[in-house]
Amino acid sequence: MSAEPIATERERESKEPNDNSLGFAKPASIKPSCFAGFIKFAICYAKTRYIFAIIYAVIGYALTKKISDRAAKYFYTLYGNLINRVFAQKYHKIDSYNNGYFDICGAKLPEINSDDLVMLSRGVFYDTFLVLCRFNDNYSKTNIEWIERYIGGEGAYGYKDGNFDVTVKAGDTVIDAGAWIGDFAAYAASKGAKSYAFEPTSASYAILQKTAALNDNKIIPIQKGLGDRECELLISLNEQNSGANSILNVQNANTETISITSLDRFVEENHIDRIDFIKADIEGAERDMLKGARSVLATHAPKLAICTYHLPDDPQVLEEIILSANPNYRVIHLRKKLFACVADRR
């Protein structure tokens, strides 16, 4: 992908306000968001994807045409409350000891507070679990492009087109950079993979430990961030969205000192003999993580699913780092992620 189309698209996206808690772009008027919201609700939670999508699309279209912005905001709030309730009804379970947890198509997560539940049910679900739950875990190019076009959000963590296959397989060793509460690591566990899940902040790490306990010890929690060197840094804590904690522009009074290591050092110190997949969503620190993983990229050639939307030049810079470490990689860019693999990797 050339630099100019990427820049053009990112400039266009930067002009659109986003509601990250809902997981999709929110236009100036609330009415189209109502329309999009009903479609997304139908796709993710209805039993028959296309029939219910059509029904809710008709309702949404009526809302955009027939009612005021104030009324549309009211329905938008109803949609938010409904999706939380339906999410809990569909995925919340009680174990034999009367402890609650979420079982999302085999990926298990602990009970979480209401703010994190909003993020999980209206944002993270679409990126981590939508393909698993609604597309039978089929990350084909056709399905992913459909999701990119009609669902939006940050996009799925897998992509398959012929011998270009960036998906988690049974037996894989996965690096989850920016694990948050362990949603992607839990997904990988449901596939039979083992994950080293890196989450540096104390509150999210505490939940990540619970997630690890729920998933048959296939998740190894690491209370560190990944970068290009061993150090300590301040991270800004986002009180409304713990998944958006960031080491960039630390201006928030609410901060925490975190430990950083490089992936190359971690793999060497722990004598890890294979790395098969790296997922990274670390709020703009992806380039430092890749710089600190040059040996891993060259030696192990893991499949990569990396977020590229935090900094304007992420698509170009991240691809350059990957190819400088291992020129055998093929890289594909979507709206907010890049996928990379070495086709003949053994």
Protein backbone atom coordinates (compact mmCIF):
# COMPACT_ATOMS: atom_id res chain seq x y z
CA MET A 1 0.00 0.00 0.00
CA SER A 2 1.42 3.34 -0.99
CA ALA A 3 1.89 6.16 1.48
CA GLU A 4 -0.53 8.54 -0.18
CA PRO A 5 -3.73 6.43 0.11
CA ILE A 6 -2.94 5.68 3.75
CA ALA A 7 -2.42 9.34 4.55
CA THR A 8 -5.61 10.30 2.74
CA GLU A 9 -7.71 7.76 4.63
CA ARG A 10 -6.21 8.62 7.99
CA GLU A 11 -6.82 12.31 7.39
CA ARG A 12 -10.43 11.52 6.58
CA GLU A 13 -10.82 9.39 9.72
CA SER A 14 -9.23 12.04 11.91
CA LYS A 15 -12.00 14.46 10.97
CA GLU A 16 -14.71 12.08 12.18
CA PRO A 17 -15.50 12.14 15.90
CA ASN A 18 -15.47 8.69 17.46
CA ASP A 19 -17.37 7.09 20.30
CA ASN A 20 -14.82 4.47 21.33
CA SER A 21 -17.01 3.08 24.08
CA LEU A 22 -19.51 2.01 21.45
CA GLY A 23 -16.90 0.70 19.06
CA PHE A 24 -17.91 2.57 15.94
CA ALA A 25 -17.53 5.98 14.36
CA LYS A 26 -20.17 8.41 15.55
CA PRO A 27 -21.20 11.11 13.06
CA ALA A 28 -22.22 14.63 13.99
CA SER A 29 -25.89 13.68 14.12
CA ILE A 30 -26.94 10.94 16.52
CA LYS A 31 -29.53 9.59 14.08
CA PRO A 32 -27.17 7.65 11.78
CA SER A 33 -25.55 6.21 14.90
CA CYS A 34 -28.94 4.87 15.94
CA PHE A 35 -29.19 3.27 12.52
CA ALA A 36 -25.72 1.73 12.79
CA GLY A 37 -26.34 0.67 16.35
CA PHE A 38 -29.41 -1.37 15.55
CA ILE A 39 -27.58 -3.10 12.70
CA LYS A 40 -24.62 -3.96 14.92
CA PHE A 41 -26.87 -5.23 17.69
CA ALA A 42 -28.65 -7.52 15.24
CA ILE A 43 -25.44 -8.87 13.74
CA CYS A 44 -23.76 -9.60 17.05
CA TYR A 45 -26.62 -10.88 19.18
CA ALA A 46 -29.49 -12.00 16.96
CA LYS A 47 -29.77 -15.68 16.05
CA THR A 48 -30.24 -15.10 12.32
CA ARG A 49 -27.72 -12.50 11.24
CA TYR A 50 -29.07 -11.23 7.95
CA ILE A 51 -32.81 -11.40 8.62
CA PHE A 52 -32.55 -9.52 11.89
CA ALA A 53 -30.07 -7.08 10.39
CA ILE A 54 -32.64 -6.19 7.76
CA ILE A 55 -35.39 -5.79 10.36
CA TYR A 56 -33.28 -3.52 12.56
CA ALA A 57 -31.99 -1.64 9.54
CA VAL A 58 -35.59 -0.76 8.64
CA ILE A 59 -36.20 0.40 12.22
CA GLY A 60 -32.99 2.39 12.19
CA TYR A 61 -33.82 4.00 8.86
CA ALA A 62 -37.22 5.03 10.23
CA LEU A 63 -35.55 6.57 13.26
CA THR A 64 -33.15 8.59 11.12
CA LYS A 65 -35.99 9.96 9.02
CA LYS A 66 -38.93 10.39 11.37
CA ILE A 67 -37.72 11.65 14.73
CA SER A 68 -35.74 14.50 16.22
CA ASP A 69 -32.14 14.35 17.41
CA ARG A 70 -33.36 14.43 21.01
CA ALA A 71 -35.59 11.41 20.47
CA ALA A 72 -32.83 9.63 18.57
CA LYS A 73 -30.46 10.15 21.52
CA TYR A 74 -33.06 8.56 23.76
CA PHE A 75 -33.24 5.48 21.52
CA TYR A 76 -29.46 5.44 21.31
CA THR A 77 -29.29 5.23 25.11
CA LEU A 78 -31.88 2.46 25.08
CA TYR A 79 -29.70 0.60 22.58
CA GLY A 80 -26.69 0.90 24.91
CA ASN A 81 -28.62 -0.43 27.90
CA LEU A 82 -30.14 -3.19 25.80
CA ILE A 83 -26.83 -4.40 24.43
CA ASN A 84 -25.33 -4.61 27.94
CA ARG A 85 -28.33 -6.57 29.19
CA VAL A 86 -28.42 -8.94 26.22
CA PHE A 87 -24.65 -9.45 26.41
CA ALA A 88 -24.96 -10.53 30.04
CA GLN A 89 -27.94 -12.76 29.33
CA LYS A 90 -26.15 -14.47 26.47
CA TYR A 91 -22.68 -14.97 27.93
CA HIS A 92 -22.85 -14.73 31.73
CA LYS A 93 -22.54 -18.07 33.56
CA ILE A 94 -22.46 -19.32 37.16
CA ASP A 95 -20.02 -22.07 38.16
CA SER A 96 -20.60 -24.83 40.72
CA TYR A 97 -19.24 -22.57 43.48
CA ASN A 98 -21.78 -19.84 42.61
CA ASN A 99 -19.11 -17.62 41.07
CA GLY A 100 -20.04 -15.57 38.02
CA TYR A 101 -18.01 -15.36 34.82
CA PHE A 102 -18.45 -14.81 31.09
CA ASP A 103 -18.11 -17.65 28.58
CA ILE A 104 -17.90 -16.12 25.11
CA CYS A 105 -17.97 -19.09 22.76
CA GLY A 106 -15.36 -20.92 24.84
CA ALA A 107 -13.27 -17.90 25.89
CA LYS A 108 -13.74 -17.28 29.61
CA LEU A 109 -13.53 -13.91 31.35
CA PRO A 110 -14.25 -12.94 34.97
CA GLU A 111 -16.98 -10.60 36.12
CA ILE A 112 -15.93 -6.97 35.67
CA ASN A 113 -17.18 -3.53 36.70
CA SER A 114 -19.79 -1.65 34.69
CA ASP A 115 -17.30 0.60 32.87
CA ASP A 116 -15.23 -2.37 31.69
CA LEU A 117 -18.43 -4.21 30.74
CA VAL A 118 -19.40 -1.31 28.49
CA MET A 119 -16.03 -1.54 26.79
CA LEU A 120 -16.25 -5.32 26.48
CA SER A 121 -19.81 -5.57 25.18
CA ARG A 122 -19.79 -2.58 22.82
CA GLY A 123 -16.18 -2.40 21.64
CA VAL A 124 -13.87 -5.29 22.43
CA PHE A 125 -16.49 -7.88 21.48
CA TYR A 126 -16.48 -6.71 17.86
CA ASP A 127 -12.68 -6.84 17.58
CA THR A 128 -11.93 -10.04 19.50
CA PHE A 129 -15.04 -12.22 19.47
CA LEU A 130 -17.30 -11.25 16.57
CA VAL A 131 -15.66 -13.58 14.04
CA LEU A 132 -15.55 -16.42 16.57
CA CYS A 133 -19.19 -16.11 17.60
CA ARG A 134 -20.96 -14.95 14.45
CA PHE A 135 -18.73 -16.13 11.56
CA ASN A 136 -17.70 -19.56 12.91
CA ASP A 137 -14.14 -18.31 13.50
CA ASN A 138 -13.65 -17.85 9.74
CA TYR A 139 -11.22 -14.97 9.15
CA SER A 140 -11.49 -15.12 5.38
CA LYS A 141 -10.77 -12.00 3.37
CA THR A 142 -14.46 -11.84 2.39
CA ASN A 143 -15.67 -11.89 6.01
CA ILE A 144 -13.08 -9.42 7.27
CA GLU A 145 -13.76 -6.95 4.46
CA TRP A 146 -17.49 -7.23 5.17
CA ILE A 147 -16.86 -6.46 8.84
CA GLU A 148 -14.57 -3.56 7.90
CA ARG A 149 -17.28 -2.09 5.67
CA TYR A 150 -20.40 -2.61 7.76
CA ILE A 151 -19.23 -2.94 11.38
CA GLY A 152 -16.22 -0.65 11.63
CA GLY A 153 -14.56 -0.42 15.02
CA GLU A 154 -10.88 -1.27 15.26
CA GLY A 155 -11.27 -4.48 13.28
CA ALA A 156 -10.66 -8.18 13.91
CA TYR A 157 -7.31 -9.69 14.93
CA GLY A 158 -7.13 -12.16 12.05
CA TYR A 159 -7.02 -12.26 8.26
CA LYS A 160 -6.79 -15.13 5.78
CA ASP A 161 -6.44 -14.96 2.01
CA GLY A 162 -5.03 -18.10 0.41
CA ASN A 163 -1.61 -18.86 1.86
CA PHE A 164 -1.61 -15.52 3.68
CA ASP A 165 -2.87 -16.75 7.02
CA VAL A 166 -2.71 -14.60 10.15
CA THR A 167 -4.85 -16.62 12.53
CA VAL A 168 -4.24 -18.35 15.86
CA LYS A 169 -3.81 -22.13 15.64
CA ALA A 170 -3.90 -24.87 18.26
CA GLY A 171 -0.45 -25.25 19.80
CA ASP A 172 0.65 -21.70 18.94
CA THR A 173 2.67 -19.62 21.36
CA VAL A 174 1.08 -16.16 21.38
CA ILE A 175 2.34 -12.79 22.58
CA ASP A 176 -0.55 -10.57 23.67
CA ALA A 177 0.86 -7.04 23.96
CA GLY A 178 -1.65 -4.81 25.69
CA ALA A 179 -3.65 -7.69 27.11
CA TRP A 180 -6.04 -5.50 29.17
CA ILE A 181 -8.21 -8.06 31.05
CA GLY A 182 -7.11 -10.90 28.76
CA ASP A 183 -9.85 -10.97 26.13
CA PHE A 184 -7.56 -11.92 23.22
CA ALA A 185 -5.53 -14.29 25.38
CA ALA A 186 -8.80 -16.00 26.38
CA TYR A 187 -9.74 -16.27 22.70
CA ALA A 188 -6.33 -17.83 21.95
CA ALA A 189 -6.82 -20.25 24.86
CA SER A 190 -10.16 -21.32 23.39
CA LYS A 191 -8.23 -22.22 20.21
CA GLY A 192 -5.75 -24.36 22.13
CA ALA A 193 -2.90 -21.81 22.11
CA LYS A 194 -0.71 -20.63 24.98
CA SER A 195 -0.38 -16.88 25.54
CA TYR A 196 2.13 -14.68 27.30
CA ALA A 197 -0.17 -11.77 28.17
CA PHE A 198 1.56 -8.45 28.89
CA GLU A 199 -0.43 -5.92 30.91
CA PRO A 200 1.54 -3.36 32.96
CA THR A 201 -1.19 -1.57 34.94
CA SER A 202 -2.15 -2.94 38.34
CA ALA A 203 -5.95 -2.85 38.06
CA SER A 204 -6.15 -4.55 34.66
CA TYR A 205 -3.43 -7.03 35.61
CA ALA A 206 -5.45 -8.12 38.65
CA ILE A 207 -8.36 -9.01 36.34
CA LEU A 208 -5.98 -10.62 33.85
CA GLN A 209 -4.84 -13.00 36.59
CA LYS A 210 -8.46 -14.06 37.12
CA THR A 211 -8.85 -14.59 33.38
CA ALA A 212 -5.77 -16.81 33.38
CA ALA A 213 -7.23 -18.94 36.18
CA LEU A 214 -10.45 -19.43 34.20
CA ASN A 215 -8.70 -20.65 31.04
CA ASP A 216 -6.93 -23.85 32.11
CA ASN A 217 -3.56 -22.15 32.70
CA LYS A 218 -3.12 -21.44 28.98
CA ILE A 219 -2.52 -17.76 29.81
CA ILE A 220 0.68 -16.61 31.52
CA PRO A 221 0.14 -13.05 32.86
CA ILE A 222 3.15 -10.72 32.77
CA GLN A 223 2.89 -7.39 34.63
CA LYS A 224 5.07 -5.50 32.19
CA GLY A 225 4.72 -3.50 29.03
CA LEU A 226 6.68 -4.24 25.87
CA GLY A 227 9.08 -1.70 24.38
CA ASP A 228 12.56 -1.40 22.92
CA ARG A 229 14.49 -1.57 26.21
CA GLU A 230 14.30 -2.40 29.91
CA CYS A 231 13.05 0.64 31.85
CA GLU A 232 10.32 2.17 33.99
CA LEU A 233 7.83 4.69 32.64
CA LEU A 234 4.82 6.67 33.76
CA ILE A 235 1.52 5.64 32.20
CA SER A 236 -1.59 7.79 32.13
CA LEU A 237 -4.66 5.97 33.47
CA ASN A 238 -7.96 6.55 31.69
CA GLU A 239 -10.67 6.40 34.35
CA GLN A 240 -13.49 5.87 31.84
CA ASN A 241 -11.70 3.37 29.60
CA SER A 242 -8.94 1.27 31.18
CA GLY A 243 -8.11 -0.15 27.77
CA ALA A 244 -6.91 3.30 26.70
CA ASN A 245 -4.18 3.75 29.31
CA SER A 246 -1.18 5.21 27.50
CA ILE A 247 2.48 6.15 27.94
CA LEU A 248 2.07 8.87 25.31
CA ASN A 249 1.23 12.43 26.39
CA VAL A 250 1.20 11.64 30.11
CA GLN A 251 -0.64 14.73 31.33
CA ASN A 252 -3.31 13.09 33.44
CA ALA A 253 -2.81 13.50 37.19
CA ASN A 254 -3.83 9.86 37.55
CA THR A 255 -0.66 7.95 36.63
CA GLU A 256 1.18 4.78 37.54
CA THR A 257 4.82 3.75 37.21
CA ILE A 258 5.12 0.62 35.09
CA SER A 259 7.92 -1.74 34.11
CA ILE A 260 8.90 -2.18 30.45
CA THR A 261 10.95 -4.94 28.84
CA SER A 262 11.74 -5.90 25.26
CA LEU A 263 10.31 -9.02 23.67
CA ASP A 264 13.76 -10.13 22.54
CA ARG A 265 15.03 -9.98 26.12
CA PHE A 266 11.94 -11.70 27.53
CA VAL A 267 12.19 -14.58 25.05
CA GLU A 268 15.90 -15.02 25.70
CA GLU A 269 15.66 -14.85 29.50
CA ASN A 270 12.76 -17.32 29.62
CA HIS A 271 14.26 -19.71 27.04
CA ILE A 272 11.15 -19.63 24.85
CA ASP A 273 11.84 -21.72 21.76
CA ARG A 274 8.97 -20.53 19.55
CA ILE A 275 6.79 -17.49 19.02
CA ASP A 276 3.95 -18.01 16.53
CA PHE A 277 1.67 -14.98 16.82
CA ILE A 278 1.97 -11.41 18.09
CA LYS A 279 -1.10 -9.30 18.76
CA ALA A 280 -0.42 -5.68 19.77
CA ASP A 281 -2.74 -2.84 20.76
CA ILE A 282 -0.60 -0.65 23.02
CA GLU A 283 -1.81 2.88 22.37
CA GLY A 284 1.01 4.16 20.16
CA ALA A 285 3.89 2.11 21.60
CA GLU A 286 3.65 -0.52 18.85
CA ARG A 287 6.76 0.80 17.09
CA ASP A 288 8.87 0.48 20.23
CA MET A 289 7.57 -3.03 20.80
CA LEU A 290 8.58 -4.03 17.25
CA LYS A 291 12.01 -2.42 17.62
CA GLY A 292 12.52 -4.53 20.73
CA ALA A 293 11.45 -7.68 18.86
CA ARG A 294 13.82 -7.57 15.87
CA SER A 295 15.47 -10.86 16.80
CA VAL A 296 12.10 -12.55 17.33
CA LEU A 297 10.88 -11.30 13.93
CA ALA A 298 14.04 -12.49 12.21
CA THR A 299 14.30 -15.86 13.98
CA HIS A 300 10.72 -16.95 14.64
CA ALA A 301 8.81 -14.95 11.97
CA PRO A 302 5.57 -14.91 13.98
CA LYS A 303 2.27 -13.93 12.44
CA LEU A 304 1.46 -10.30 13.27
CA ALA A 305 -1.80 -8.48 13.99
CA ILE A 306 -0.82 -4.94 14.97
CA CYS A 307 -2.94 -1.81 15.52
CA THR A 308 -1.92 1.09 13.26
CA TYR A 309 -4.30 3.91 14.20
CA HIS A 310 -2.72 5.51 17.26
CA LEU A 311 -0.15 7.67 15.43
CA PRO A 312 -0.60 9.18 11.95
CA ASP A 313 2.51 7.51 10.49
CA ASP A 314 1.98 4.12 12.15
CA PRO A 315 1.18 2.24 8.90
CA GLN A 316 4.42 3.28 7.19
CA VAL A 317 6.69 3.19 10.27
CA LEU A 318 5.51 -0.19 11.56
CA GLU A 319 5.84 -1.83 8.14
CA GLU A 320 9.36 -0.44 7.75
CA ILE A 321 10.44 -1.86 11.11
CA ILE A 322 8.96 -5.28 10.29
CA LEU A 323 10.62 -5.50 6.87
CA SER A 324 13.97 -4.24 8.14
CA ALA A 325 13.97 -7.05 10.71
CA ASN A 326 12.78 -9.70 8.25
CA PRO A 327 12.37 -8.84 4.53
CA ASN A 328 10.46 -12.10 3.95
CA TYR A 329 7.33 -10.70 5.57
CA ARG A 330 4.32 -9.84 3.45
CA VAL A 331 2.27 -7.00 4.95
CA ILE A 332 -1.40 -6.17 4.36
CA HIS A 333 -3.02 -2.98 5.69
CA LEU A 334 -6.66 -2.56 6.65
CA ARG A 335 -8.22 0.57 8.12
CA LYS A 336 -6.77 0.31 11.63
CA LYS A 337 -4.58 -2.80 11.65
CA LEU A 338 -1.80 -4.40 9.70
CA PHE A 339 -1.37 -8.12 9.23
CA ALA A 340 1.93 -9.72 8.34
CA CYS A 341 3.27 -13.22 7.84
CA VAL A 342 6.01 -15.20 6.13
CA ALA A 343 4.25 -17.57 3.74
CA ASP A 344 6.76 -20.43 3.86
CA ARG A 345 7.35 -20.22 7.63
CA ARG A 346 7.99 -23.59 9.26
